[in-house]
Amino acid sequence: MTIVRSLLLFVLAALAEIGGAWLIWQGWRENRGWWWIAAGVAALGAYGFVATLQPDAHFGRILAAYGGVFVAGSLAWAMVVDKFRPDRWDVIGAAICLAGVAVIMYAPRAGH
């Protein structure tokens, strides 16, 4: 159950961070206005709190693992929202990142 909870928190964190960055991008680069930017800032703040809910107590480990989730999540976001089509190298790179997440977060450790 702890791994499932952790994975769900990573997905929620990805939605908050990637969505927040996208909202800021839309507000600034696409001239949609300050409300989009404010919503993005709020979403990015929510991401910071979601990360604290991970069961592991080590900030560096959580953030390092989230980096891999961010890579894969960004490509998934781009596919759904921006109709981006990743090539095989994008997919291979994202898979490598997710394998790294699995090792960092869920490998057996002495004393755990």
N, C-alpha and C. Protein backbone atom coordinates (compact mmCIF):
# COMPACT_ATOMS: atom_id res chain seq x y z
N MET A 1 0.82 -1.20 0.00
CA MET A 1 0.00 0.00 0.00
C MET A 1 0.86 1.26 0.00
N THR A 2 2.01 1.21 0.64
CA THR A 2 2.89 2.38 0.70
C THR A 2 3.39 2.74 -0.68
N ILE A 3 3.72 1.75 -1.51
CA ILE A 3 4.20 2.04 -2.86
C ILE A 3 3.08 2.64 -3.70
N VAL A 4 1.87 2.11 -3.58
CA VAL A 4 0.74 2.65 -4.34
C VAL A 4 0.49 4.10 -3.92
N ARG A 5 0.51 4.37 -2.63
CA ARG A 5 0.33 5.75 -2.13
C ARG A 5 1.42 6.66 -2.68
N SER A 6 2.64 6.20 -2.64
CA SER A 6 3.76 6.98 -3.14
C SER A 6 3.61 7.28 -4.62
N LEU A 7 3.21 6.29 -5.41
CA LEU A 7 3.02 6.49 -6.85
C LEU A 7 1.90 7.49 -7.13
N LEU A 8 0.81 7.38 -6.38
CA LEU A 8 -0.29 8.33 -6.55
C LEU A 8 0.15 9.75 -6.20
N LEU A 9 0.96 9.89 -5.15
CA LEU A 9 1.48 11.20 -4.78
C LEU A 9 2.40 11.76 -5.87
N PHE A 10 3.20 10.90 -6.49
CA PHE A 10 4.05 11.36 -7.59
C PHE A 10 3.20 11.86 -8.76
N VAL A 11 2.11 11.17 -9.07
CA VAL A 11 1.22 11.60 -10.15
C VAL A 11 0.58 12.94 -9.80
N LEU A 12 0.09 13.07 -8.57
CA LEU A 12 -0.51 14.33 -8.14
C LEU A 12 0.50 15.46 -8.18
N ALA A 13 1.73 15.20 -7.72
CA ALA A 13 2.78 16.21 -7.76
C ALA A 13 3.09 16.62 -9.20
N ALA A 14 3.13 15.65 -10.09
CA ALA A 14 3.41 15.96 -11.50
C ALA A 14 2.31 16.84 -12.09
N LEU A 15 1.06 16.51 -11.80
CA LEU A 15 -0.04 17.33 -12.30
C LEU A 15 0.06 18.75 -11.79
N ALA A 16 0.38 18.91 -10.51
CA ALA A 16 0.48 20.25 -9.92
C ALA A 16 1.66 21.02 -10.50
N GLU A 17 2.83 20.40 -10.58
CA GLU A 17 4.00 21.14 -11.04
C GLU A 17 3.95 21.40 -12.55
N ILE A 18 3.69 20.37 -13.32
CA ILE A 18 3.66 20.55 -14.77
C ILE A 18 2.49 21.45 -15.16
N GLY A 19 1.34 21.22 -14.53
CA GLY A 19 0.19 22.08 -14.80
C GLY A 19 0.45 23.52 -14.41
N GLY A 20 1.09 23.73 -13.27
CA GLY A 20 1.41 25.09 -12.84
C GLY A 20 2.36 25.79 -13.79
N ALA A 21 3.39 25.08 -14.21
CA ALA A 21 4.34 25.66 -15.16
C ALA A 21 3.65 25.95 -16.49
N TRP A 22 2.77 25.05 -16.92
CA TRP A 22 2.04 25.25 -18.17
C TRP A 22 1.13 26.48 -18.07
N LEU A 23 0.45 26.65 -16.93
CA LEU A 23 -0.42 27.81 -16.76
C LEU A 23 0.38 29.11 -16.82
N ILE A 24 1.55 29.13 -16.20
CA ILE A 24 2.40 30.32 -16.26
C ILE A 24 2.84 30.57 -17.70
N TRP A 25 3.24 29.51 -18.38
CA TRP A 25 3.63 29.62 -19.79
C TRP A 25 2.50 30.23 -20.61
N GLN A 26 1.29 29.70 -20.41
CA GLN A 26 0.15 30.21 -21.15
C GLN A 26 -0.14 31.67 -20.80
N GLY A 27 -0.06 32.00 -19.53
CA GLY A 27 -0.32 33.36 -19.11
C GLY A 27 0.68 34.36 -19.67
N TRP A 28 1.94 33.98 -19.68
CA TRP A 28 2.99 34.90 -20.11
C TRP A 28 3.27 34.81 -21.61
N ARG A 29 3.61 33.60 -22.07
CA ARG A 29 4.04 33.44 -23.46
C ARG A 29 2.89 33.52 -24.45
N GLU A 30 1.71 33.09 -24.02
CA GLU A 30 0.56 33.09 -24.92
C GLU A 30 -0.40 34.25 -24.61
N ASN A 31 0.05 35.15 -23.74
CA ASN A 31 -0.71 36.38 -23.42
C ASN A 31 -2.13 36.12 -22.94
N ARG A 32 -2.28 35.10 -22.09
CA ARG A 32 -3.62 34.81 -21.58
C ARG A 32 -3.95 35.60 -20.31
N GLY A 33 -2.94 36.22 -19.71
CA GLY A 33 -3.22 37.12 -18.60
C GLY A 33 -2.70 36.65 -17.26
N TRP A 34 -2.83 37.59 -16.32
CA TRP A 34 -2.30 37.38 -14.97
C TRP A 34 -3.04 36.33 -14.17
N TRP A 35 -4.32 36.11 -14.47
CA TRP A 35 -5.05 35.08 -13.73
C TRP A 35 -4.49 33.69 -14.02
N TRP A 36 -4.07 33.46 -15.24
CA TRP A 36 -3.43 32.19 -15.59
C TRP A 36 -2.12 32.03 -14.82
N ILE A 37 -1.37 33.12 -14.76
CA ILE A 37 -0.10 33.09 -14.03
C ILE A 37 -0.35 32.85 -12.56
N ALA A 38 -1.32 33.53 -11.98
CA ALA A 38 -1.64 33.34 -10.55
C ALA A 38 -2.07 31.90 -10.27
N ALA A 39 -2.87 31.32 -11.16
CA ALA A 39 -3.28 29.92 -10.99
C ALA A 39 -2.06 29.00 -11.07
N GLY A 40 -1.14 29.32 -11.95
CA GLY A 40 0.08 28.53 -12.07
C GLY A 40 0.93 28.60 -10.81
N VAL A 41 1.06 29.79 -10.26
CA VAL A 41 1.82 29.95 -9.02
C VAL A 41 1.16 29.15 -7.89
N ALA A 42 -0.16 29.18 -7.80
CA ALA A 42 -0.87 28.41 -6.78
C ALA A 42 -0.64 26.91 -6.97
N ALA A 43 -0.68 26.44 -8.21
CA ALA A 43 -0.46 25.02 -8.49
C ALA A 43 0.97 24.62 -8.12
N LEU A 44 1.94 25.48 -8.43
CA LEU A 44 3.32 25.17 -8.06
C LEU A 44 3.49 25.12 -6.55
N GLY A 45 2.80 25.99 -5.84
CA GLY A 45 2.82 25.93 -4.38
C GLY A 45 2.21 24.63 -3.86
N ALA A 46 1.13 24.20 -4.48
CA ALA A 46 0.50 22.93 -4.09
C ALA A 46 1.46 21.77 -4.30
N TYR A 47 2.21 21.81 -5.39
CA TYR A 47 3.22 20.76 -5.63
C TYR A 47 4.17 20.64 -4.45
N GLY A 48 4.63 21.77 -3.94
CA GLY A 48 5.56 21.74 -2.81
C GLY A 48 4.98 21.03 -1.60
N PHE A 49 3.70 21.20 -1.37
CA PHE A 49 3.07 20.53 -0.23
C PHE A 49 2.84 19.05 -0.51
N VAL A 50 2.46 18.71 -1.73
CA VAL A 50 2.23 17.30 -2.08
C VAL A 50 3.50 16.49 -1.85
N ALA A 51 4.64 17.06 -2.20
CA ALA A 51 5.91 16.34 -2.03
C ALA A 51 6.15 15.97 -0.57
N THR A 52 5.67 16.78 0.35
CA THR A 52 5.89 16.50 1.77
C THR A 52 5.09 15.30 2.27
N LEU A 53 4.12 14.85 1.49
CA LEU A 53 3.27 13.73 1.89
C LEU A 53 3.87 12.37 1.54
N GLN A 54 4.99 12.35 0.82
CA GLN A 54 5.64 11.08 0.48
C GLN A 54 6.05 10.36 1.76
N PRO A 55 5.94 9.03 1.80
CA PRO A 55 6.28 8.29 3.01
C PRO A 55 7.77 8.32 3.37
N ASP A 56 8.64 8.49 2.40
CA ASP A 56 10.07 8.56 2.68
C ASP A 56 10.38 9.91 3.32
N ALA A 57 11.25 9.92 4.30
CA ALA A 57 11.54 11.14 5.06
C ALA A 57 12.70 11.95 4.50
N HIS A 58 13.31 11.54 3.40
CA HIS A 58 14.51 12.19 2.88
C HIS A 58 14.17 13.10 1.69
N PHE A 59 14.26 14.40 1.92
CA PHE A 59 13.92 15.39 0.90
C PHE A 59 14.69 15.16 -0.39
N GLY A 60 16.00 14.96 -0.29
CA GLY A 60 16.83 14.78 -1.48
C GLY A 60 16.40 13.58 -2.31
N ARG A 61 16.06 12.50 -1.65
CA ARG A 61 15.63 11.28 -2.36
C ARG A 61 14.30 11.54 -3.08
N ILE A 62 13.37 12.18 -2.40
CA ILE A 62 12.07 12.46 -3.00
C ILE A 62 12.23 13.36 -4.22
N LEU A 63 13.01 14.41 -4.06
CA LEU A 63 13.18 15.36 -5.17
C LEU A 63 13.93 14.72 -6.34
N ALA A 64 14.93 13.92 -6.04
CA ALA A 64 15.67 13.24 -7.11
C ALA A 64 14.75 12.29 -7.88
N ALA A 65 13.96 11.52 -7.15
CA ALA A 65 13.05 10.60 -7.81
C ALA A 65 12.00 11.36 -8.60
N TYR A 66 11.51 12.45 -8.03
CA TYR A 66 10.50 13.22 -8.74
C TYR A 66 11.04 13.76 -10.06
N GLY A 67 12.33 14.02 -10.14
CA GLY A 67 12.91 14.47 -11.39
C GLY A 67 12.60 13.52 -12.53
N GLY A 68 12.69 12.22 -12.28
CA GLY A 68 12.36 11.22 -13.30
C GLY A 68 10.88 11.22 -13.64
N VAL A 69 10.04 11.39 -12.62
CA VAL A 69 8.60 11.47 -12.85
C VAL A 69 8.28 12.71 -13.69
N PHE A 70 8.98 13.81 -13.39
CA PHE A 70 8.77 15.06 -14.13
C PHE A 70 9.09 14.87 -15.61
N VAL A 71 10.18 14.18 -15.92
CA VAL A 71 10.56 13.96 -17.32
C VAL A 71 9.45 13.20 -18.05
N ALA A 72 9.04 12.07 -17.50
CA ALA A 72 8.00 11.26 -18.14
C ALA A 72 6.66 12.00 -18.14
N GLY A 73 6.34 12.65 -17.03
CA GLY A 73 5.08 13.37 -16.94
C GLY A 73 4.99 14.54 -17.91
N SER A 74 6.11 15.21 -18.13
CA SER A 74 6.12 16.33 -19.07
C SER A 74 5.82 15.87 -20.49
N LEU A 75 6.37 14.73 -20.86
CA LEU A 75 6.08 14.19 -22.19
C LEU A 75 4.62 13.76 -22.29
N ALA A 76 4.10 13.14 -21.24
CA ALA A 76 2.69 12.74 -21.24
C ALA A 76 1.78 13.96 -21.31
N TRP A 77 2.10 15.00 -20.54
CA TRP A 77 1.32 16.24 -20.58
C TRP A 77 1.33 16.81 -22.00
N ALA A 78 2.50 16.87 -22.60
CA ALA A 78 2.62 17.43 -23.94
C ALA A 78 1.80 16.63 -24.95
N MET A 79 1.74 15.32 -24.78
CA MET A 79 0.95 14.49 -25.69
C MET A 79 -0.53 14.81 -25.56
N VAL A 80 -1.01 14.92 -24.32
CA VAL A 80 -2.44 15.11 -24.08
C VAL A 80 -2.86 16.55 -24.37
N VAL A 81 -2.11 17.51 -23.85
CA VAL A 81 -2.53 18.91 -23.91
C VAL A 81 -2.09 19.60 -25.19
N ASP A 82 -0.87 19.34 -25.62
CA ASP A 82 -0.32 20.06 -26.78
C ASP A 82 -0.24 19.21 -28.05
N LYS A 83 -0.76 17.98 -27.97
CA LYS A 83 -0.76 17.07 -29.14
C LYS A 83 0.65 16.78 -29.66
N PHE A 84 1.63 16.81 -28.77
CA PHE A 84 3.02 16.49 -29.10
C PHE A 84 3.16 14.99 -29.28
N ARG A 85 3.94 14.57 -30.26
CA ARG A 85 4.19 13.15 -30.49
C ARG A 85 5.65 12.86 -30.19
N PRO A 86 5.94 12.21 -29.06
CA PRO A 86 7.34 11.90 -28.75
C PRO A 86 7.89 10.87 -29.74
N ASP A 87 9.19 10.98 -29.99
CA ASP A 87 9.82 9.96 -30.83
C ASP A 87 10.34 8.85 -29.93
N ARG A 88 10.93 7.85 -30.54
CA ARG A 88 11.38 6.69 -29.75
C ARG A 88 12.43 7.07 -28.72
N TRP A 89 13.25 8.08 -29.01
CA TRP A 89 14.29 8.49 -28.07
C TRP A 89 13.68 9.19 -26.86
N ASP A 90 12.61 9.94 -27.08
CA ASP A 90 11.88 10.53 -25.95
C ASP A 90 11.34 9.42 -25.05
N VAL A 91 10.74 8.42 -25.66
CA VAL A 91 10.14 7.31 -24.91
C VAL A 91 11.21 6.52 -24.17
N ILE A 92 12.30 6.22 -24.84
CA ILE A 92 13.40 5.48 -24.20
C ILE A 92 13.97 6.29 -23.04
N GLY A 93 14.18 7.57 -23.25
CA GLY A 93 14.70 8.42 -22.18
C GLY A 93 13.76 8.47 -20.98
N ALA A 94 12.46 8.60 -21.24
CA ALA A 94 11.49 8.62 -20.15
C ALA A 94 11.46 7.29 -19.40
N ALA A 95 11.57 6.19 -20.14
CA ALA A 95 11.60 4.87 -19.50
C ALA A 95 12.83 4.72 -18.60
N ILE A 96 13.96 5.20 -19.07
CA ILE A 96 15.19 5.16 -18.26
C ILE A 96 14.98 5.98 -16.98
N CYS A 97 14.38 7.15 -17.12
CA CYS A 97 14.13 7.99 -15.94
C CYS A 97 13.21 7.29 -14.95
N LEU A 98 12.15 6.65 -15.45
CA LEU A 98 11.23 5.95 -14.54
C LEU A 98 11.89 4.73 -13.89
N ALA A 99 12.79 4.09 -14.61
CA ALA A 99 13.55 3.00 -13.98
C ALA A 99 14.41 3.56 -12.85
N GLY A 100 14.99 4.72 -13.06
CA GLY A 100 15.76 5.38 -12.00
C GLY A 100 14.89 5.72 -10.80
N VAL A 101 13.67 6.18 -11.04
CA VAL A 101 12.73 6.46 -9.95
C VAL A 101 12.50 5.20 -9.13
N ALA A 102 12.26 4.09 -9.82
CA ALA A 102 11.99 2.83 -9.11
C ALA A 102 13.18 2.42 -8.25
N VAL A 103 14.38 2.57 -8.77
CA VAL A 103 15.57 2.21 -8.00
C VAL A 103 15.73 3.14 -6.79
N ILE A 104 15.61 4.44 -7.03
CA ILE A 104 15.81 5.41 -5.95
C ILE A 104 14.77 5.22 -4.84
N MET A 105 13.52 5.05 -5.22
CA MET A 105 12.45 5.05 -4.22
C MET A 105 12.14 3.68 -3.63
N TYR A 106 12.23 2.63 -4.43
CA TYR A 106 11.64 1.37 -3.99
C TYR A 106 12.61 0.21 -3.87
N ALA A 107 13.91 0.46 -4.08
CA ALA A 107 14.89 -0.61 -3.90
C ALA A 107 14.98 -0.95 -2.42
N PRO A 108 15.18 -2.24 -2.10
CA PRO A 108 15.31 -2.59 -0.68
C PRO A 108 16.58 -1.96 -0.08
N ARG A 109 16.44 -1.46 1.12
CA ARG A 109 17.55 -0.83 1.81
C ARG A 109 17.73 -1.49 3.17
N ALA A 110 18.97 -1.54 3.60
CA ALA A 110 19.25 -2.08 4.93
C ALA A 110 18.57 -1.21 5.98
N GLY A 111 17.93 -1.85 6.94
CA GLY A 111 17.30 -1.12 8.04
C GLY A 111 15.91 -0.62 7.74
N HIS A 112 15.34 -0.96 6.57
CA HIS A 112 14.00 -0.49 6.24
C HIS A 112 13.04 -1.64 6.11
